[in-house]
Amino acid sequence: MADTNNTFDIETGTTLNQLIKRLGGLHECQRLGFVFEDEKGVMSPSAAGFAYLMFVVARDITDPAEAFAAGYQAALDEMNPL
């Protein structure tokens, strides 16, 4: 399978580049669901990708259990805003 040219959203390109760098490539980001591709083929970080950067990377979490807990808490907060 040959690689295709990817198009990235200019407004979220820096964020997308951080995800790609931290997770080891675009294919891994896509596998995890951290990248969204719209109907025109333009890629940008998904809600999960943004959450990963905000709740795991920004808090310098390296333990998988802590990362899971942070994701769970973020989902709860989203469902039950103050």
C-alpha atoms as a PDB file:
ATOM      1  CA  MET A   1       0.000   0.000   0.000  1.00  0.00           C
ATOM      2  CA  ALA A   2       1.539   3.300  -1.054  1.00  0.00           C
ATOM      3  CA  ASP A   3       1.429   6.353   1.172  1.00  0.00           C
ATOM      4  CA  THR A   4      -0.759   9.190  -0.019  1.00  0.00           C
ATOM      5  CA  ASN A   5      -0.266  12.892   0.436  1.00  0.00           C
ATOM      6  CA  ASN A   6      -1.973  14.047   3.610  1.00  0.00           C
ATOM      7  CA  THR A   7      -3.642  17.408   4.005  1.00  0.00           C
ATOM      8  CA  PHE A   8      -3.629  19.038   7.420  1.00  0.00           C
ATOM      9  CA  ASP A   9      -5.808  21.791   8.862  1.00  0.00           C
ATOM     10  CA  ILE A  10      -3.620  24.915   9.137  1.00  0.00           C
ATOM     11  CA  GLU A  11      -5.310  26.009  12.383  1.00  0.00           C
ATOM     12  CA  THR A  12      -4.603  22.718  14.160  1.00  0.00           C
ATOM     13  CA  GLY A  13      -1.399  21.716  12.379  1.00  0.00           C
ATOM     14  CA  THR A  14       0.838  22.374  15.385  1.00  0.00           C
ATOM     15  CA  THR A  15      -1.412  20.318  17.646  1.00  0.00           C
ATOM     16  CA  LEU A  16      -1.537  17.511  15.104  1.00  0.00           C
ATOM     17  CA  ASN A  17       2.248  17.577  14.779  1.00  0.00           C
ATOM     18  CA  GLN A  18       2.565  17.185  18.570  1.00  0.00           C
ATOM     19  CA  LEU A  19       0.328  14.122  18.488  1.00  0.00           C
ATOM     20  CA  ILE A  20       2.269  12.595  15.590  1.00  0.00           C
ATOM     21  CA  LYS A  21       5.597  13.241  17.315  1.00  0.00           C
ATOM     22  CA  ARG A  22       4.507  11.894  20.717  1.00  0.00           C
ATOM     23  CA  LEU A  23       2.703   8.801  19.447  1.00  0.00           C
ATOM     24  CA  GLY A  24       5.155   7.692  16.787  1.00  0.00           C
ATOM     25  CA  GLY A  25       3.490   8.628  13.542  1.00  0.00           C
ATOM     26  CA  LEU A  26       0.298   9.487  11.749  1.00  0.00           C
ATOM     27  CA  HIS A  27      -0.778   5.862  11.352  1.00  0.00           C
ATOM     28  CA  GLU A  28      -0.640   5.315  15.111  1.00  0.00           C
ATOM     29  CA  CYS A  29      -2.644   8.500  15.708  1.00  0.00           C
ATOM     30  CA  GLN A  30      -5.262   7.258  13.256  1.00  0.00           C
ATOM     31  CA  ARG A  31      -5.327   3.804  14.844  1.00  0.00           C
ATOM     32  CA  LEU A  32      -5.998   5.348  18.248  1.00  0.00           C
ATOM     33  CA  GLY A  33      -8.694   7.643  16.875  1.00  0.00           C
ATOM     34  CA  PHE A  34      -6.705  10.766  17.746  1.00  0.00           C
ATOM     35  CA  VAL A  35      -6.924  12.155  14.201  1.00  0.00           C
ATOM     36  CA  PHE A  36     -10.096  13.053  12.321  1.00  0.00           C
ATOM     37  CA  GLU A  37     -10.250  13.149   8.527  1.00  0.00           C
ATOM     38  CA  ASP A  38     -13.124  15.126   7.032  1.00  0.00           C
ATOM     39  CA  GLU A  39     -14.931  14.440   3.762  1.00  0.00           C
ATOM     40  CA  LYS A  40     -12.350  16.511   1.851  1.00  0.00           C
ATOM     41  CA  GLY A  41      -9.458  14.495   3.282  1.00  0.00           C
ATOM     42  CA  VAL A  42      -8.273  17.267   5.616  1.00  0.00           C
ATOM     43  CA  MET A  43      -6.877  15.887   8.874  1.00  0.00           C
ATOM     44  CA  SER A  44      -7.106  17.484  12.287  1.00  0.00           C
ATOM     45  CA  PRO A  45      -6.920  16.253  15.877  1.00  0.00           C
ATOM     46  CA  SER A  46     -10.090  14.523  17.095  1.00  0.00           C
ATOM     47  CA  ALA A  47     -11.683  15.263  20.451  1.00  0.00           C
ATOM     48  CA  ALA A  48      -9.767  12.267  21.820  1.00  0.00           C
ATOM     49  CA  GLY A  49      -6.512  13.694  20.457  1.00  0.00           C
ATOM     50  CA  PHE A  50      -7.121  17.075  22.079  1.00  0.00           C
ATOM     51  CA  ALA A  51      -8.105  15.378  25.346  1.00  0.00           C
ATOM     52  CA  TYR A  52      -4.923  13.303  25.295  1.00  0.00           C
ATOM     53  CA  LEU A  53      -2.811  16.435  24.963  1.00  0.00           C
ATOM     54  CA  MET A  54      -4.773  18.375  27.595  1.00  0.00           C
ATOM     55  CA  PHE A  55      -5.312  15.712  30.229  1.00  0.00           C
ATOM     56  CA  VAL A  56      -2.314  13.401  29.817  1.00  0.00           C
ATOM     57  CA  VAL A  57       0.546  15.318  28.193  1.00  0.00           C
ATOM     58  CA  ALA A  58      -0.101  18.664  29.924  1.00  0.00           C
ATOM     59  CA  ARG A  59      -0.223  16.920  33.300  1.00  0.00           C
ATOM     60  CA  ASP A  60       2.951  14.957  32.513  1.00  0.00           C
ATOM     61  CA  ILE A  61       1.213  11.626  33.165  1.00  0.00           C
ATOM     62  CA  THR A  62       3.310   8.616  32.195  1.00  0.00           C
ATOM     63  CA  ASP A  63       1.566   5.803  34.079  1.00  0.00           C
ATOM     64  CA  PRO A  64      -1.091   4.041  31.924  1.00  0.00           C
ATOM     65  CA  ALA A  65      -3.490   3.696  34.868  1.00  0.00           C
ATOM     66  CA  GLU A  66      -3.245   7.423  35.594  1.00  0.00           C
ATOM     67  CA  ALA A  67      -3.821   8.171  31.910  1.00  0.00           C
ATOM     68  CA  PHE A  68      -6.916   5.978  31.889  1.00  0.00           C
ATOM     69  CA  ALA A  69      -8.196   7.640  35.062  1.00  0.00           C
ATOM     70  CA  ALA A  70      -7.636  11.100  33.555  1.00  0.00           C
ATOM     71  CA  GLY A  71      -9.579  10.089  30.447  1.00  0.00           C
ATOM     72  CA  TYR A  72     -12.386   8.649  32.527  1.00  0.00           C
ATOM     73  CA  GLN A  73     -12.581  11.812  34.628  1.00  0.00           C
ATOM     74  CA  ALA A  74     -12.600  14.004  31.526  1.00  0.00           C
ATOM     75  CA  ALA A  75     -15.525  11.990  30.115  1.00  0.00           C
ATOM     76  CA  LEU A  76     -17.437  12.312  33.389  1.00  0.00           C
ATOM     77  CA  ASP A  77     -16.801  16.053  33.480  1.00  0.00           C
ATOM     78  CA  GLU A  78     -18.071  16.347  29.905  1.00  0.00           C
ATOM     79  CA  MET A  79     -21.274  14.440  30.735  1.00  0.00           C
ATOM     80  CA  ASN A  80     -21.919  16.330  33.977  1.00  0.00           C
ATOM     81  CA  PRO A  81     -20.743  19.950  33.610  1.00  0.00           C
ATOM     82  CA  LEU A  82     -20.945  22.150  36.702  1.00  0.00           C
END
